[in-house]
Amino acid sequence: MVLDVKPEQVTKDHFDVVAIGSGFGSAFFLHEFARRRKARIVVLEWGRHNTHQWQLDQNVNTDID
């Protein structure tokens, strides 16, 4: 699930795990962690979410220079 929220909205909630970045290491860890126990997890990522179609149209996966 992708949520594009303001930082103020995230800081008001409680999370069991905070992952910085959505790279392979984070994804692998979170997949295994979530499989073993129920937890509230938030993944913080820099930049905005770009749809798959946007990435295909632009031939890039980010708008950050």
N, C-alpha and C. Protein backbone atom coordinates (compact mmCIF):
# COMPACT_ATOMS: atom_id res chain seq x y z
N MET A 1 0.85 -1.17 0.00
CA MET A 1 0.00 0.00 0.00
C MET A 1 0.90 1.24 0.00
N VAL A 2 0.62 2.17 -0.86
CA VAL A 2 1.38 3.41 -0.92
C VAL A 2 0.52 4.53 -0.38
N LEU A 3 1.05 5.22 0.59
CA LEU A 3 0.36 6.38 1.15
C LEU A 3 1.25 7.58 0.95
N ASP A 4 0.72 8.59 0.34
CA ASP A 4 1.45 9.83 0.15
C ASP A 4 0.92 10.81 1.18
N VAL A 5 1.56 10.84 2.34
CA VAL A 5 1.05 11.65 3.44
C VAL A 5 2.07 12.70 3.85
N LYS A 6 1.58 13.68 4.56
CA LYS A 6 2.45 14.72 5.09
C LYS A 6 3.16 14.20 6.34
N PRO A 7 4.39 14.66 6.60
CA PRO A 7 5.13 14.18 7.77
C PRO A 7 4.37 14.33 9.08
N GLU A 8 3.58 15.39 9.21
CA GLU A 8 2.84 15.61 10.45
C GLU A 8 1.86 14.47 10.72
N GLN A 9 1.32 13.89 9.66
CA GLN A 9 0.36 12.79 9.83
C GLN A 9 1.05 11.54 10.34
N VAL A 10 2.26 11.29 9.91
CA VAL A 10 3.00 10.10 10.33
C VAL A 10 3.46 10.23 11.77
N THR A 11 3.88 11.41 12.18
CA THR A 11 4.44 11.58 13.53
C THR A 11 3.38 11.48 14.61
N LYS A 12 2.12 11.54 14.27
CA LYS A 12 1.05 11.43 15.27
C LYS A 12 0.71 9.98 15.59
N ASP A 13 1.18 9.05 14.78
CA ASP A 13 0.88 7.63 14.97
C ASP A 13 2.01 6.92 15.68
N HIS A 14 1.71 5.71 16.17
CA HIS A 14 2.71 4.85 16.80
C HIS A 14 3.02 3.70 15.86
N PHE A 15 4.30 3.40 15.68
CA PHE A 15 4.72 2.29 14.84
C PHE A 15 5.68 1.41 15.62
N ASP A 16 5.62 0.12 15.38
CA ASP A 16 6.55 -0.82 16.01
C ASP A 16 7.90 -0.83 15.30
N VAL A 17 7.88 -0.60 14.00
CA VAL A 17 9.10 -0.61 13.20
C VAL A 17 9.07 0.57 12.24
N VAL A 18 10.20 1.27 12.16
CA VAL A 18 10.36 2.35 11.18
C VAL A 18 11.54 1.96 10.29
N ALA A 19 11.29 1.80 9.01
CA ALA A 19 12.35 1.47 8.05
C ALA A 19 12.65 2.71 7.23
N ILE A 20 13.94 3.00 7.10
CA ILE A 20 14.37 4.14 6.31
C ILE A 20 14.80 3.62 4.94
N GLY A 21 14.00 3.92 3.93
CA GLY A 21 14.30 3.47 2.57
C GLY A 21 13.60 2.16 2.24
N SER A 22 13.30 2.00 0.98
CA SER A 22 12.56 0.82 0.54
C SER A 22 13.41 -0.08 -0.35
N GLY A 23 14.70 -0.08 -0.10
CA GLY A 23 15.60 -0.92 -0.89
C GLY A 23 15.46 -2.40 -0.58
N PHE A 24 16.32 -3.20 -1.19
CA PHE A 24 16.24 -4.65 -1.05
C PHE A 24 16.37 -5.09 0.40
N GLY A 25 17.32 -4.52 1.13
CA GLY A 25 17.52 -4.91 2.52
C GLY A 25 16.30 -4.64 3.37
N SER A 26 15.72 -3.47 3.23
CA SER A 26 14.51 -3.14 3.99
C SER A 26 13.36 -4.05 3.60
N ALA A 27 13.18 -4.26 2.32
CA ALA A 27 12.08 -5.10 1.86
C ALA A 27 12.22 -6.53 2.37
N PHE A 28 13.43 -7.08 2.32
CA PHE A 28 13.67 -8.44 2.80
C PHE A 28 13.39 -8.54 4.29
N PHE A 29 13.95 -7.60 5.07
CA PHE A 29 13.74 -7.60 6.52
C PHE A 29 12.26 -7.46 6.86
N LEU A 30 11.59 -6.50 6.26
CA LEU A 30 10.18 -6.25 6.59
C LEU A 30 9.29 -7.41 6.18
N HIS A 31 9.58 -8.04 5.07
CA HIS A 31 8.80 -9.20 4.64
C HIS A 31 8.88 -10.30 5.70
N GLU A 32 10.08 -10.61 6.14
CA GLU A 32 10.25 -11.66 7.15
C GLU A 32 9.68 -11.23 8.50
N PHE A 33 9.90 -10.00 8.88
CA PHE A 33 9.39 -9.50 10.16
C PHE A 33 7.87 -9.57 10.20
N ALA A 34 7.23 -9.08 9.16
CA ALA A 34 5.76 -9.05 9.12
C ALA A 34 5.18 -10.46 9.04
N ARG A 35 5.91 -11.38 8.48
CA ARG A 35 5.45 -12.77 8.40
C ARG A 35 5.41 -13.42 9.78
N ARG A 36 6.30 -12.99 10.66
CA ARG A 36 6.44 -13.61 11.98
C ARG A 36 5.58 -12.99 13.06
N ARG A 37 5.25 -11.73 12.91
CA ARG A 37 4.45 -11.08 13.95
C ARG A 37 3.65 -9.93 13.37
N LYS A 38 2.56 -9.65 14.04
CA LYS A 38 1.71 -8.53 13.65
C LYS A 38 2.35 -7.26 14.19
N ALA A 39 2.57 -6.30 13.33
CA ALA A 39 3.22 -5.06 13.75
C ALA A 39 2.78 -3.92 12.84
N ARG A 40 2.84 -2.74 13.40
CA ARG A 40 2.60 -1.53 12.60
C ARG A 40 3.94 -1.07 12.07
N ILE A 41 4.03 -1.00 10.76
CA ILE A 41 5.30 -0.70 10.09
C ILE A 41 5.12 0.53 9.20
N VAL A 42 6.11 1.41 9.24
CA VAL A 42 6.12 2.55 8.32
C VAL A 42 7.46 2.55 7.60
N VAL A 43 7.42 2.81 6.30
CA VAL A 43 8.64 2.92 5.50
C VAL A 43 8.75 4.37 5.04
N LEU A 44 9.84 5.00 5.40
CA LEU A 44 10.06 6.39 5.01
C LEU A 44 10.93 6.41 3.76
N GLU A 45 10.48 7.15 2.79
CA GLU A 45 11.19 7.22 1.51
C GLU A 45 11.29 8.68 1.10
N TRP A 46 12.40 9.05 0.51
CA TRP A 46 12.62 10.41 0.07
C TRP A 46 11.98 10.60 -1.29
N GLY A 47 11.34 11.71 -1.49
CA GLY A 47 10.73 12.01 -2.79
C GLY A 47 9.26 11.61 -2.82
N ARG A 48 8.67 11.80 -3.96
CA ARG A 48 7.25 11.48 -4.10
C ARG A 48 7.08 10.13 -4.79
N HIS A 49 5.90 9.57 -4.66
CA HIS A 49 5.59 8.30 -5.32
C HIS A 49 5.26 8.56 -6.78
N ASN A 50 5.93 7.85 -7.65
CA ASN A 50 5.65 7.94 -9.08
C ASN A 50 5.03 6.62 -9.52
N THR A 51 3.92 6.71 -10.22
CA THR A 51 3.24 5.50 -10.67
C THR A 51 4.12 4.74 -11.67
N HIS A 52 3.80 3.49 -11.83
CA HIS A 52 4.56 2.67 -12.79
C HIS A 52 4.45 3.26 -14.19
N GLN A 53 3.27 3.72 -14.55
CA GLN A 53 3.09 4.32 -15.88
C GLN A 53 3.95 5.56 -16.04
N TRP A 54 4.04 6.40 -15.00
CA TRP A 54 4.89 7.59 -15.05
C TRP A 54 6.34 7.18 -15.28
N GLN A 55 6.79 6.16 -14.56
CA GLN A 55 8.17 5.69 -14.71
C GLN A 55 8.44 5.20 -16.13
N LEU A 56 7.48 4.48 -16.70
CA LEU A 56 7.64 4.01 -18.08
C LEU A 56 7.67 5.18 -19.06
N ASP A 57 6.78 6.14 -18.87
CA ASP A 57 6.71 7.29 -19.77
C ASP A 57 7.98 8.13 -19.72
N GLN A 58 8.53 8.31 -18.52
CA GLN A 58 9.71 9.15 -18.32
C GLN A 58 11.03 8.39 -18.50
N ASN A 59 10.94 7.06 -18.49
CA ASN A 59 12.11 6.19 -18.58
C ASN A 59 13.06 6.39 -17.40
N VAL A 60 12.50 6.74 -16.25
CA VAL A 60 13.24 6.86 -14.99
C VAL A 60 12.31 6.40 -13.87
N ASN A 61 12.88 6.11 -12.69
CA ASN A 61 12.03 5.71 -11.59
C ASN A 61 11.93 6.75 -10.48
N THR A 62 12.56 7.91 -10.68
CA THR A 62 12.48 8.97 -9.68
C THR A 62 12.55 10.33 -10.37
N ASP A 63 12.02 11.33 -9.70
CA ASP A 63 12.13 12.69 -10.23
C ASP A 63 13.17 13.49 -9.46
N ILE A 64 13.96 12.82 -8.63
CA ILE A 64 15.01 13.47 -7.85
C ILE A 64 16.29 13.47 -8.68
N ASP A 65 16.89 14.64 -8.82
CA ASP A 65 18.15 14.74 -9.59
C ASP A 65 19.32 14.24 -8.80
